[in-house]
N, C-alpha and C. Protein backbone atom coordinates (compact mmCIF):
# COMPACT_ATOMS: atom_id res chain seq x y z
N MET A 1 0.90 -1.24 0.05
CA MET A 1 -0.03 0.04 -0.07
C MET A 1 0.91 1.28 0.14
N THR A 2 1.85 1.23 0.76
CA THR A 2 2.68 2.52 0.91
C THR A 2 3.57 2.53 -0.45
N GLY A 3 3.93 1.42 -0.85
CA GLY A 3 4.76 1.48 -2.01
C GLY A 3 4.12 1.86 -3.20
N ALA A 4 2.83 1.84 -3.24
CA ALA A 4 1.85 2.22 -4.22
C ALA A 4 1.70 3.60 -4.12
N LEU A 5 1.42 4.20 -2.88
CA LEU A 5 1.48 5.56 -2.77
C LEU A 5 2.69 6.28 -3.27
N PHE A 6 3.86 5.59 -2.86
CA PHE A 6 5.17 6.27 -3.39
C PHE A 6 5.23 6.49 -4.71
N VAL A 7 4.93 5.16 -5.43
CA VAL A 7 4.87 5.13 -7.08
C VAL A 7 3.72 6.29 -7.59
N ALA A 8 2.59 6.28 -6.96
CA ALA A 8 1.48 7.22 -7.55
C ALA A 8 2.27 8.80 -7.55
N LEU A 9 2.75 9.02 -6.31
CA LEU A 9 3.47 10.54 -6.02
C LEU A 9 4.66 10.83 -7.01
N ALA A 10 5.47 9.67 -7.15
CA ALA A 10 6.61 9.86 -8.03
C ALA A 10 6.14 10.12 -9.40
N LEU A 11 5.18 9.19 -10.04
CA LEU A 11 4.53 9.35 -11.31
C LEU A 11 3.92 10.78 -11.38
N THR A 12 3.27 11.10 -10.57
CA THR A 12 2.51 12.53 -10.51
C THR A 12 3.54 13.51 -10.55
N ILE A 13 4.61 13.53 -9.86
CA ILE A 13 5.68 14.53 -10.02
C ILE A 13 6.38 14.53 -11.28
N VAL A 14 6.90 13.41 -11.77
CA VAL A 14 7.40 13.36 -13.00
C VAL A 14 6.55 13.72 -14.10
N PHE A 15 5.38 13.22 -14.20
CA PHE A 15 4.52 13.48 -15.24
C PHE A 15 3.59 14.79 -15.37
N LEU A 16 3.12 15.17 -14.24
CA LEU A 16 2.31 16.17 -13.89
C LEU A 16 2.72 17.38 -13.35
N GLY A 17 4.08 17.26 -12.66
CA GLY A 17 4.56 18.37 -11.70
C GLY A 17 4.09 18.40 -10.42
N ALA A 18 4.19 19.23 -9.75
CA ALA A 18 3.77 19.58 -8.34
C ALA A 18 2.14 19.30 -8.13
N PRO A 19 1.80 18.56 -7.19
CA PRO A 19 0.47 18.45 -6.96
C PRO A 19 -0.20 19.73 -6.59
N PRO A 20 -1.46 20.08 -6.97
CA PRO A 20 -2.18 21.36 -6.69
C PRO A 20 -2.06 21.91 -5.27
N ALA A 21 -2.25 20.84 -4.21
CA ALA A 21 -2.24 21.22 -2.89
C ALA A 21 -0.90 21.61 -2.40
N ASP A 22 0.17 21.27 -2.89
CA ASP A 22 1.52 21.47 -2.31
C ASP A 22 1.85 22.77 -1.68
N ALA A 23 1.64 23.67 -2.50
CA ALA A 23 1.80 25.03 -2.36
C ALA A 23 1.01 25.57 -1.26
N ALA A 24 -0.21 25.28 -1.30
CA ALA A 24 -1.25 25.75 -0.43
C ALA A 24 -0.91 25.12 1.02
N LEU A 25 -0.55 23.86 0.94
CA LEU A 25 -0.44 23.33 2.26
C LEU A 25 0.78 23.66 2.89
N ARG A 26 1.93 23.87 2.07
CA ARG A 26 3.14 24.47 2.78
C ARG A 26 2.96 25.73 3.34
N THR A 27 2.19 26.60 2.47
CA THR A 27 2.20 28.06 3.15
C THR A 27 1.16 27.90 4.24
N ALA A 28 0.17 27.16 4.28
CA ALA A 28 -0.66 27.04 5.70
C ALA A 28 0.19 26.50 6.73
N LEU A 29 0.94 25.70 6.64
CA LEU A 29 1.89 25.26 7.73
C LEU A 29 2.89 26.41 8.14
N LEU A 30 3.49 26.99 7.16
CA LEU A 30 4.42 28.02 7.53
C LEU A 30 3.93 29.12 8.30
N THR A 31 2.47 29.23 8.19
CA THR A 31 1.87 30.34 9.16
C THR A 31 2.20 29.92 10.55
N PHE A 32 2.32 28.66 10.86
CA PHE A 32 2.60 28.42 12.39
C PHE A 32 4.12 28.53 12.78
N ALA A 33 4.84 28.88 11.90
CA ALA A 33 6.24 28.71 12.13
C ALA A 33 6.87 29.80 13.13
N SER A 34 6.47 29.81 14.45
CA SER A 34 7.16 30.64 15.21
C SER A 34 8.52 30.44 15.46
N PRO A 35 9.31 31.41 16.08
CA PRO A 35 10.90 31.09 16.28
C PRO A 35 10.75 29.90 17.42
N PRO A 36 9.98 29.92 18.52
CA PRO A 36 9.85 28.88 19.49
C PRO A 36 9.73 27.45 18.78
N LEU A 37 8.73 27.28 17.90
CA LEU A 37 8.31 26.27 17.45
C LEU A 37 9.54 25.74 16.34
N ILE A 38 9.85 26.61 15.57
CA ILE A 38 11.14 26.21 14.57
C ILE A 38 12.22 25.66 15.52
N SER A 39 12.64 26.13 16.65
CA SER A 39 13.77 25.66 17.65
C SER A 39 13.35 24.27 17.89
N VAL A 40 12.12 24.03 18.30
CA VAL A 40 11.80 22.54 18.73
C VAL A 40 11.89 21.74 17.43
N LEU A 41 11.40 22.21 16.24
CA LEU A 41 11.44 21.27 15.07
C LEU A 41 12.78 20.99 14.71
N ARG A 42 13.70 21.99 15.00
CA ARG A 42 15.24 21.59 14.63
C ARG A 42 15.72 20.43 15.40
N VAL A 43 15.14 20.22 16.72
CA VAL A 43 15.60 19.11 17.47
C VAL A 43 14.92 17.94 16.92
N ILE A 44 13.67 18.13 16.63
CA ILE A 44 12.81 17.03 16.29
C ILE A 44 13.32 16.37 14.89
N ASN A 45 13.95 17.17 13.99
CA ASN A 45 14.51 17.05 12.70
C ASN A 45 15.49 16.00 12.82
N ARG A 46 16.22 16.11 13.84
CA ARG A 46 17.34 15.18 14.17
C ARG A 46 17.12 13.63 14.19
N ALA A 47 15.89 13.41 14.29
CA ALA A 47 15.23 12.06 14.34
C ALA A 47 14.98 11.45 12.99
N GLY A 48 15.39 12.17 11.95
CA GLY A 48 15.45 11.79 10.60
C GLY A 48 16.95 11.86 10.15
N ASP A 49 18.01 12.14 11.02
CA ASP A 49 19.37 12.29 10.56
C ASP A 49 20.26 10.87 10.86
N TRP A 50 20.99 10.51 9.81
CA TRP A 50 21.76 9.39 10.22
C TRP A 50 22.64 9.21 11.52
N ARG A 51 23.07 10.50 11.87
CA ARG A 51 23.95 10.57 13.17
C ARG A 51 23.05 10.12 14.29
N VAL A 52 21.76 10.29 14.32
CA VAL A 52 21.09 9.87 15.28
C VAL A 52 20.61 8.32 14.91
N LEU A 53 20.12 8.08 13.91
CA LEU A 53 19.53 6.87 13.49
C LEU A 53 20.30 5.65 13.47
N ALA A 54 21.72 5.89 13.11
CA ALA A 54 22.91 4.93 13.10
C ALA A 54 22.76 4.10 14.53
N PRO A 55 23.16 5.03 15.59
CA PRO A 55 23.10 4.50 16.92
C PRO A 55 21.81 4.05 17.47
N ALA A 56 20.76 4.63 16.99
CA ALA A 56 19.41 4.04 17.34
C ALA A 56 19.02 2.77 16.74
N THR A 57 19.64 2.53 15.57
CA THR A 57 19.47 1.44 15.22
C THR A 57 20.24 0.21 15.74
N LEU A 58 21.46 0.55 16.36
CA LEU A 58 22.16 -0.43 17.12
C LEU A 58 21.52 -0.54 18.52
N LEU A 59 20.83 0.23 19.01
CA LEU A 59 20.03 0.01 20.23
C LEU A 59 18.78 -0.74 19.91
N LEU A 60 18.21 -0.55 18.69
CA LEU A 60 16.97 -1.40 18.52
C LEU A 60 17.62 -2.93 18.18
N VAL A 61 18.85 -3.12 17.73
CA VAL A 61 19.20 -4.50 17.57
C VAL A 61 19.31 -5.04 19.12
N LEU A 62 19.94 -4.25 19.98
CA LEU A 62 20.10 -4.72 21.44
C LEU A 62 18.75 -4.84 22.24
N ALA A 63 17.86 -4.11 21.74
CA ALA A 63 16.44 -4.07 22.65
C ALA A 63 15.65 -5.35 22.18
N PHE A 64 15.66 -5.90 21.12
CA PHE A 64 14.66 -6.81 20.74
C PHE A 64 15.42 -8.03 20.25
N ALA A 65 15.06 -9.12 20.80
CA ALA A 65 15.74 -10.59 20.62
C ALA A 65 15.74 -10.77 19.10
N ARG A 66 14.34 -10.60 18.57
CA ARG A 66 14.28 -11.02 17.38
C ARG A 66 15.14 -10.14 16.30
N THR A 67 15.47 -9.04 16.81
CA THR A 67 16.39 -8.02 15.87
C THR A 67 17.75 -8.63 16.02
N ARG A 68 18.08 -9.06 17.22
CA ARG A 68 19.49 -9.64 17.25
C ARG A 68 19.75 -10.69 16.40
N ARG A 69 18.57 -11.65 16.29
CA ARG A 69 18.75 -12.89 15.28
C ARG A 69 19.03 -12.47 13.87
N GLN A 70 18.37 -11.45 13.54
CA GLN A 70 18.38 -10.86 12.09
C GLN A 70 18.98 -9.57 12.20
N TRP A 71 19.93 -9.19 12.84
CA TRP A 71 20.68 -7.81 12.72
C TRP A 71 20.94 -7.37 11.60
N TRP A 72 21.49 -8.19 10.63
CA TRP A 72 21.71 -7.85 9.27
C TRP A 72 20.51 -7.22 8.57
N LEU A 73 19.29 -7.63 8.69
CA LEU A 73 18.09 -7.11 7.97
C LEU A 73 17.87 -5.82 8.33
N TRP A 74 18.01 -5.42 9.68
CA TRP A 74 17.46 -4.21 10.12
C TRP A 74 18.62 -3.17 9.83
N CYS A 75 19.79 -3.41 9.96
CA CYS A 75 20.96 -2.67 9.52
C CYS A 75 20.99 -2.46 8.14
N GLY A 76 20.72 -3.41 7.31
CA GLY A 76 20.43 -3.49 5.91
C GLY A 76 19.27 -2.42 5.58
N LEU A 77 18.19 -2.45 6.09
CA LEU A 77 17.12 -1.39 6.14
C LEU A 77 17.53 -0.02 6.13
N MET A 78 18.35 0.13 7.11
CA MET A 78 18.86 1.56 7.51
C MET A 78 19.98 2.05 6.69
N ALA A 79 20.64 1.09 5.86
CA ALA A 79 21.51 1.45 4.79
C ALA A 79 20.89 1.62 3.37
N THR A 80 19.79 0.72 3.30
CA THR A 80 19.03 0.91 2.18
C THR A 80 18.14 2.11 1.71
N ALA A 81 17.66 2.32 2.81
CA ALA A 81 16.59 3.70 3.10
C ALA A 81 17.48 4.98 2.23
N PRO A 82 18.49 5.08 2.82
CA PRO A 82 19.12 6.49 2.06
C PRO A 82 19.63 6.29 0.82
N LEU A 83 20.06 5.20 0.45
CA LEU A 83 20.70 4.85 -0.90
C LEU A 83 19.51 4.81 -1.96
N THR A 84 18.34 4.25 -1.48
CA THR A 84 17.20 4.39 -2.37
C THR A 84 16.67 5.57 -2.77
N GLU A 85 16.59 6.54 -1.45
CA GLU A 85 15.93 7.84 -1.53
C GLU A 85 17.06 8.70 -2.39
N GLY A 86 18.22 8.58 -2.12
CA GLY A 86 19.36 9.40 -2.86
C GLY A 86 19.50 9.05 -4.32
N LEU A 87 19.16 7.84 -4.80
CA LEU A 87 19.01 7.59 -6.07
C LEU A 87 17.93 8.17 -6.83
N LEU A 88 16.69 7.84 -6.14
CA LEU A 88 15.46 8.36 -6.68
C LEU A 88 15.61 10.04 -6.83
N LYS A 89 16.28 10.71 -5.81
CA LYS A 89 16.38 12.10 -6.01
C LYS A 89 16.94 12.60 -7.25
N VAL A 90 18.09 11.77 -7.61
CA VAL A 90 18.91 12.16 -8.88
C VAL A 90 18.00 11.60 -10.11
N ILE A 91 17.29 10.74 -10.08
CA ILE A 91 16.43 10.40 -11.17
C ILE A 91 15.21 11.48 -11.28
N ILE A 92 14.70 11.64 -10.27
CA ILE A 92 13.32 12.64 -10.42
C ILE A 92 13.72 14.02 -10.37
N ARG A 93 14.71 14.57 -9.80
CA ARG A 93 15.48 15.83 -10.02
C ARG A 93 14.52 16.99 -9.53
N ARG A 94 13.65 16.71 -8.71
CA ARG A 94 12.73 17.89 -8.31
C ARG A 94 13.28 18.64 -7.27
N PRO A 95 13.45 20.00 -7.58
CA PRO A 95 13.91 21.18 -6.48
C PRO A 95 13.30 21.37 -5.51
N ARG A 96 13.96 21.69 -4.53
CA ARG A 96 13.36 22.07 -3.16
C ARG A 96 12.68 23.37 -3.29
N PRO A 97 11.86 23.69 -2.40
CA PRO A 97 11.03 24.99 -2.36
C PRO A 97 12.07 26.20 -2.36
N GLU A 98 13.13 26.10 -1.84
CA GLU A 98 13.85 27.38 -1.50
C GLU A 98 15.26 27.09 -1.97
N SER A 99 15.69 26.13 -2.83
CA SER A 99 17.02 25.82 -3.21
C SER A 99 17.04 24.84 -4.51
N ALA A 100 18.06 24.84 -5.13
CA ALA A 100 18.14 23.90 -6.35
C ALA A 100 18.49 22.48 -6.06
N ALA A 101 18.79 22.10 -4.69
CA ALA A 101 18.94 20.93 -4.49
C ALA A 101 17.91 19.84 -4.54
N PHE A 102 18.12 18.81 -5.02
CA PHE A 102 16.99 17.63 -5.24
C PHE A 102 16.32 17.41 -3.92
N ALA A 103 14.90 17.42 -4.06
CA ALA A 103 13.99 17.26 -2.89
C ALA A 103 13.10 15.95 -2.85
N PHE A 104 12.91 15.25 -4.02
CA PHE A 104 11.98 14.23 -3.89
C PHE A 104 12.63 12.75 -3.99
N PRO A 105 12.41 12.11 -2.85
CA PRO A 105 11.67 12.05 -1.89
C PRO A 105 12.48 12.78 -0.53
N SER A 106 11.93 13.18 0.40
CA SER A 106 12.72 13.67 1.54
C SER A 106 13.47 12.50 2.33
N GLY A 107 14.82 12.87 2.41
CA GLY A 107 15.71 11.87 2.98
C GLY A 107 15.25 11.58 4.41
N HIS A 108 15.22 12.64 5.21
CA HIS A 108 14.94 12.65 6.47
C HIS A 108 13.47 11.80 6.76
N ALA A 109 12.56 12.07 6.01
CA ALA A 109 11.26 11.40 6.18
C ALA A 109 11.33 10.01 5.73
N THR A 110 12.16 9.49 4.85
CA THR A 110 12.34 8.35 4.35
C THR A 110 13.11 7.40 5.47
N ALA A 111 14.05 8.07 6.18
CA ALA A 111 14.91 7.29 6.93
C ALA A 111 14.19 7.41 8.21
N ALA A 112 13.33 8.29 8.67
CA ALA A 112 12.49 8.29 9.97
C ALA A 112 11.48 7.17 9.77
N ALA A 113 10.77 7.03 8.67
CA ALA A 113 9.71 6.07 8.39
C ALA A 113 10.22 4.79 8.36
N ALA A 114 11.63 4.59 7.71
CA ALA A 114 12.17 3.27 7.78
C ALA A 114 12.51 2.82 9.18
N PHE A 115 12.92 3.57 9.94
CA PHE A 115 13.28 3.43 11.44
C PHE A 115 12.16 3.10 12.15
N PHE A 116 11.54 4.04 12.23
CA PHE A 116 10.13 3.93 13.18
C PHE A 116 9.18 2.87 12.61
N GLY A 117 9.14 2.60 11.33
CA GLY A 117 8.35 1.48 10.78
C GLY A 117 8.70 0.21 11.41
N ALA A 118 10.17 -0.09 11.36
CA ALA A 118 10.81 -1.15 11.95
C ALA A 118 10.32 -1.36 13.52
N VAL A 119 10.45 -0.28 14.10
CA VAL A 119 10.05 -0.06 15.60
C VAL A 119 8.66 -0.51 15.76
N ILE A 120 7.78 -0.11 14.78
CA ILE A 120 6.39 -0.58 14.99
C ILE A 120 6.10 -2.05 14.73
N TYR A 121 6.87 -2.76 13.81
CA TYR A 121 6.79 -4.09 13.64
C TYR A 121 7.48 -4.93 14.61
N LEU A 122 8.69 -4.44 15.18
CA LEU A 122 9.24 -4.97 16.26
C LEU A 122 8.61 -4.95 17.48
N ALA A 123 7.92 -4.07 17.63
CA ALA A 123 6.98 -3.86 19.01
C ALA A 123 6.03 -4.86 19.10
N GLY A 124 5.79 -5.48 18.20
CA GLY A 124 4.89 -6.57 18.18
C GLY A 124 4.77 -7.75 19.31
N THR A 125 6.20 -7.90 19.60
CA THR A 125 6.50 -8.80 20.74
C THR A 125 6.45 -8.24 22.05
N LEU A 126 6.10 -6.98 22.26
CA LEU A 126 6.08 -6.53 23.68
C LEU A 126 4.68 -6.62 24.18
N PRO A 127 4.48 -6.72 25.62
CA PRO A 127 3.06 -6.59 26.09
C PRO A 127 2.21 -5.50 25.55
N ALA A 128 1.03 -5.72 25.55
CA ALA A 128 -0.22 -5.12 24.89
C ALA A 128 0.17 -3.49 25.18
N ARG A 129 0.14 -3.16 26.46
CA ARG A 129 0.26 -1.86 26.94
C ARG A 129 1.55 -1.30 26.33
N ALA A 130 2.61 -1.82 26.51
CA ALA A 130 3.97 -1.29 26.01
C ALA A 130 3.90 -1.19 24.45
N ARG A 131 3.35 -2.31 23.83
CA ARG A 131 3.35 -2.08 22.32
C ARG A 131 2.44 -0.98 21.90
N GLY A 132 1.43 -0.73 22.41
CA GLY A 132 0.58 0.37 21.95
C GLY A 132 1.39 1.63 22.14
N ALA A 133 1.98 1.87 23.40
CA ALA A 133 2.73 3.05 23.63
C ALA A 133 4.07 3.10 22.85
N VAL A 134 4.71 2.33 22.45
CA VAL A 134 5.83 2.41 21.59
C VAL A 134 5.38 2.65 20.27
N ARG A 135 4.21 1.99 19.82
CA ARG A 135 3.73 2.34 18.29
C ARG A 135 3.23 3.81 18.19
N ILE A 136 2.72 4.25 19.31
CA ILE A 136 2.12 5.63 19.12
C ILE A 136 3.30 6.54 18.88
N VAL A 137 4.40 6.30 19.87
CA VAL A 137 5.54 7.09 19.92
C VAL A 137 6.23 7.02 18.48
N ALA A 138 6.44 5.82 17.92
CA ALA A 138 6.86 5.74 16.56
C ALA A 138 6.13 6.49 15.46
N VAL A 139 4.83 6.18 15.47
CA VAL A 139 4.03 7.06 14.47
C VAL A 139 4.12 8.62 14.76
N LEU A 140 4.17 9.00 15.81
CA LEU A 140 4.41 10.53 16.18
C LEU A 140 5.81 10.69 15.68
N GLY A 141 6.79 10.04 15.79
CA GLY A 141 8.19 10.53 15.38
C GLY A 141 8.08 10.59 13.75
N ILE A 142 7.43 9.82 12.96
CA ILE A 142 7.20 9.77 11.75
C ILE A 142 6.66 11.31 11.06
N VAL A 143 5.63 11.38 11.87
CA VAL A 143 4.66 12.57 11.58
C VAL A 143 5.49 13.88 12.00
N LEU A 144 6.13 13.86 13.03
CA LEU A 144 6.97 15.30 13.51
C LEU A 144 8.06 15.43 12.64
N VAL A 145 8.79 14.32 12.32
CA VAL A 145 9.91 14.52 11.38
C VAL A 145 9.35 15.18 10.06
N GLY A 146 8.28 14.54 9.37
CA GLY A 146 7.68 15.28 8.18
C GLY A 146 7.18 16.48 8.30
N LEU A 147 6.71 16.85 9.54
CA LEU A 147 6.33 18.35 9.64
C LEU A 147 7.57 19.30 9.88
N ALA A 148 8.50 18.82 10.24
CA ALA A 148 9.65 19.55 10.52
C ALA A 148 10.44 19.83 9.21
N ARG A 149 10.19 19.05 8.41
CA ARG A 149 10.93 19.19 7.07
C ARG A 149 10.24 20.14 6.22
N VAL A 150 8.93 20.34 6.40
CA VAL A 150 8.31 21.17 5.52
C VAL A 150 8.55 22.75 6.32
N MET A 151 8.34 22.49 7.66
CA MET A 151 8.28 24.08 8.23
C MET A 151 9.66 24.53 8.54
N LEU A 152 10.60 23.59 8.38
CA LEU A 152 11.98 24.16 8.27
C LEU A 152 12.13 24.68 6.83
N ARG A 153 11.30 24.59 6.09
CA ARG A 153 11.54 25.05 4.47
C ARG A 153 12.44 24.23 3.59
N ALA A 154 12.53 23.00 4.08
CA ALA A 154 13.46 22.17 3.25
C ALA A 154 12.85 21.31 2.21
N HIS A 155 11.54 21.01 2.28
CA HIS A 155 10.66 20.14 1.41
C HIS A 155 9.46 20.64 1.18
N TRP A 156 8.93 20.28 0.13
CA TRP A 156 7.26 20.29 -0.25
C TRP A 156 6.72 19.33 0.64
N PRO A 157 5.25 19.38 0.96
CA PRO A 157 4.77 18.36 1.49
C PRO A 157 4.72 16.89 0.80
N SER A 158 4.78 17.13 -0.69
CA SER A 158 4.50 15.61 -1.24
C SER A 158 5.87 15.04 -1.24
N ASP A 159 7.07 15.71 -1.07
CA ASP A 159 8.34 15.24 -1.04
C ASP A 159 8.35 14.29 0.24
N VAL A 160 7.88 14.94 1.29
CA VAL A 160 7.74 14.50 2.83
C VAL A 160 6.73 13.04 2.74
N LEU A 161 5.68 13.32 2.10
CA LEU A 161 4.72 12.21 1.99
C LEU A 161 5.13 10.94 1.36
N ALA A 162 5.99 11.37 0.11
CA ALA A 162 6.71 10.21 -0.64
C ALA A 162 7.75 9.57 0.22
N GLY A 163 8.39 10.49 0.91
CA GLY A 163 9.51 9.71 1.81
C GLY A 163 8.87 8.94 2.88
N ILE A 164 7.76 9.38 3.59
CA ILE A 164 7.15 8.69 4.40
C ILE A 164 6.91 7.26 3.68
N ALA A 165 6.20 7.30 2.74
CA ALA A 165 5.49 6.25 1.93
C ALA A 165 6.72 5.20 1.57
N LEU A 166 8.08 5.63 0.99
CA LEU A 166 9.09 4.87 0.75
C LEU A 166 9.70 4.19 1.92
N GLY A 167 9.91 4.93 3.02
CA GLY A 167 10.42 4.40 4.24
C GLY A 167 9.65 3.24 4.86
N LEU A 168 8.36 3.62 4.96
CA LEU A 168 7.28 2.42 5.25
C LEU A 168 7.26 1.28 4.50
N ALA A 169 7.26 1.61 3.24
CA ALA A 169 7.40 0.45 2.34
C ALA A 169 8.57 -0.49 2.48
N LEU A 170 9.86 0.08 2.55
CA LEU A 170 11.14 -0.51 2.88
C LEU A 170 11.07 -1.20 4.17
N ALA A 171 10.39 -0.68 5.18
CA ALA A 171 10.26 -1.15 6.51
C ALA A 171 9.42 -2.47 6.32
N SER A 172 8.25 -2.48 5.63
CA SER A 172 7.29 -3.43 5.47
C SER A 172 8.01 -4.60 4.70
N LEU A 173 8.73 -4.35 3.86
CA LEU A 173 9.59 -5.33 3.05
C LEU A 173 10.40 -6.11 4.09
N ALA A 174 11.19 -5.22 4.89
CA ALA A 174 12.07 -6.13 5.78
C ALA A 174 11.26 -6.69 6.87
N ALA A 175 9.97 -6.24 7.29
CA ALA A 175 9.22 -6.91 8.12
C ALA A 175 8.89 -8.22 7.61
N ILE A 176 8.11 -8.44 6.24
CA ILE A 176 7.96 -9.56 5.67
C ILE A 176 8.98 -10.49 5.54
N ILE A 177 10.19 -10.19 5.26
CA ILE A 177 11.42 -10.90 5.06
C ILE A 177 11.57 -11.42 6.52
N SER A 178 11.66 -10.92 7.55
CA SER A 178 11.64 -11.04 9.08
C SER A 178 10.71 -12.10 9.15
N ALA A 179 9.64 -12.02 9.00
CA ALA A 179 8.52 -12.79 9.46
C ALA A 179 8.88 -14.32 8.64
N ARG A 180 8.88 -14.32 7.46
CA ARG A 180 9.25 -15.41 6.56
C ARG A 180 10.52 -16.40 7.11
N ARG A 181 11.38 -15.45 7.40
CA ARG A 181 12.55 -16.25 7.98
C ARG A 181 12.34 -16.95 9.34
N GLU A 182 11.65 -16.15 10.23
CA GLU A 182 11.16 -16.66 11.59
C GLU A 182 10.45 -17.83 11.38
N SER A 183 9.34 -17.85 10.47
CA SER A 183 8.49 -18.97 10.19
C SER A 183 9.32 -20.20 9.52
N THR A 184 10.21 -19.92 8.80
CA THR A 184 10.85 -21.08 8.18
C THR A 184 11.83 -21.58 9.28
N ALA A 185 12.27 -20.86 10.12
CA ALA A 185 13.27 -21.35 11.03
C ALA A 185 12.37 -21.95 12.17
N GLU A 186 11.23 -21.69 12.70
CA GLU A 186 10.18 -22.42 13.38
C GLU A 186 9.86 -23.71 12.85
N SER A 187 9.69 -23.75 11.40
CA SER A 187 9.15 -25.04 10.88
C SER A 187 10.28 -26.03 10.82
N SER A 188 11.42 -25.63 10.63
CA SER A 188 12.58 -26.58 10.54
C SER A 188 13.01 -27.08 11.77
N SER A 189 12.59 -26.46 12.81
CA SER A 189 13.14 -26.84 14.31
C SER A 189 11.93 -27.77 14.86
N SER A 190 10.91 -27.70 14.23
CA SER A 190 9.52 -28.70 14.69
C SER A 190 9.87 -30.12 14.42
């Protein structure tokens, strides 16, 4: 589903240009951009930066037993997300709202969605109450990083939505691979 959303957004940008609501939504969000809020968003923005996500991924590997068994998969996810996003930026070549650098899809949004998407999946082994809390925090992380990218004037809303869709699609793929490998391991041990 998220992969299809990404493809639809990418095709729209390539063949039709910016979605009509992009500029209006960006302008509406920027009306809330007070100096204190921008300061907070600069901190939140770091949750999509590799310098935070690399050590966070190592913590994820340590925190969940199923992650330790397949550490290569989750580390691979966090390496694949920026590589995929970077390649797509060069192919699509959409400029940022306030610079000529490539924007589509947002790298911070892609990385945050990949990481927090993995957290959402891996939290499935937690007790119900903790699982719900962790998943809520993960969804908030994705949404807040996305908002930060627009309000810090780095991206169009469609860049962010595409990044989130791409990151979640990659996390979903990793989760499918993980579940299949766990199922195969359980079958062979029975």
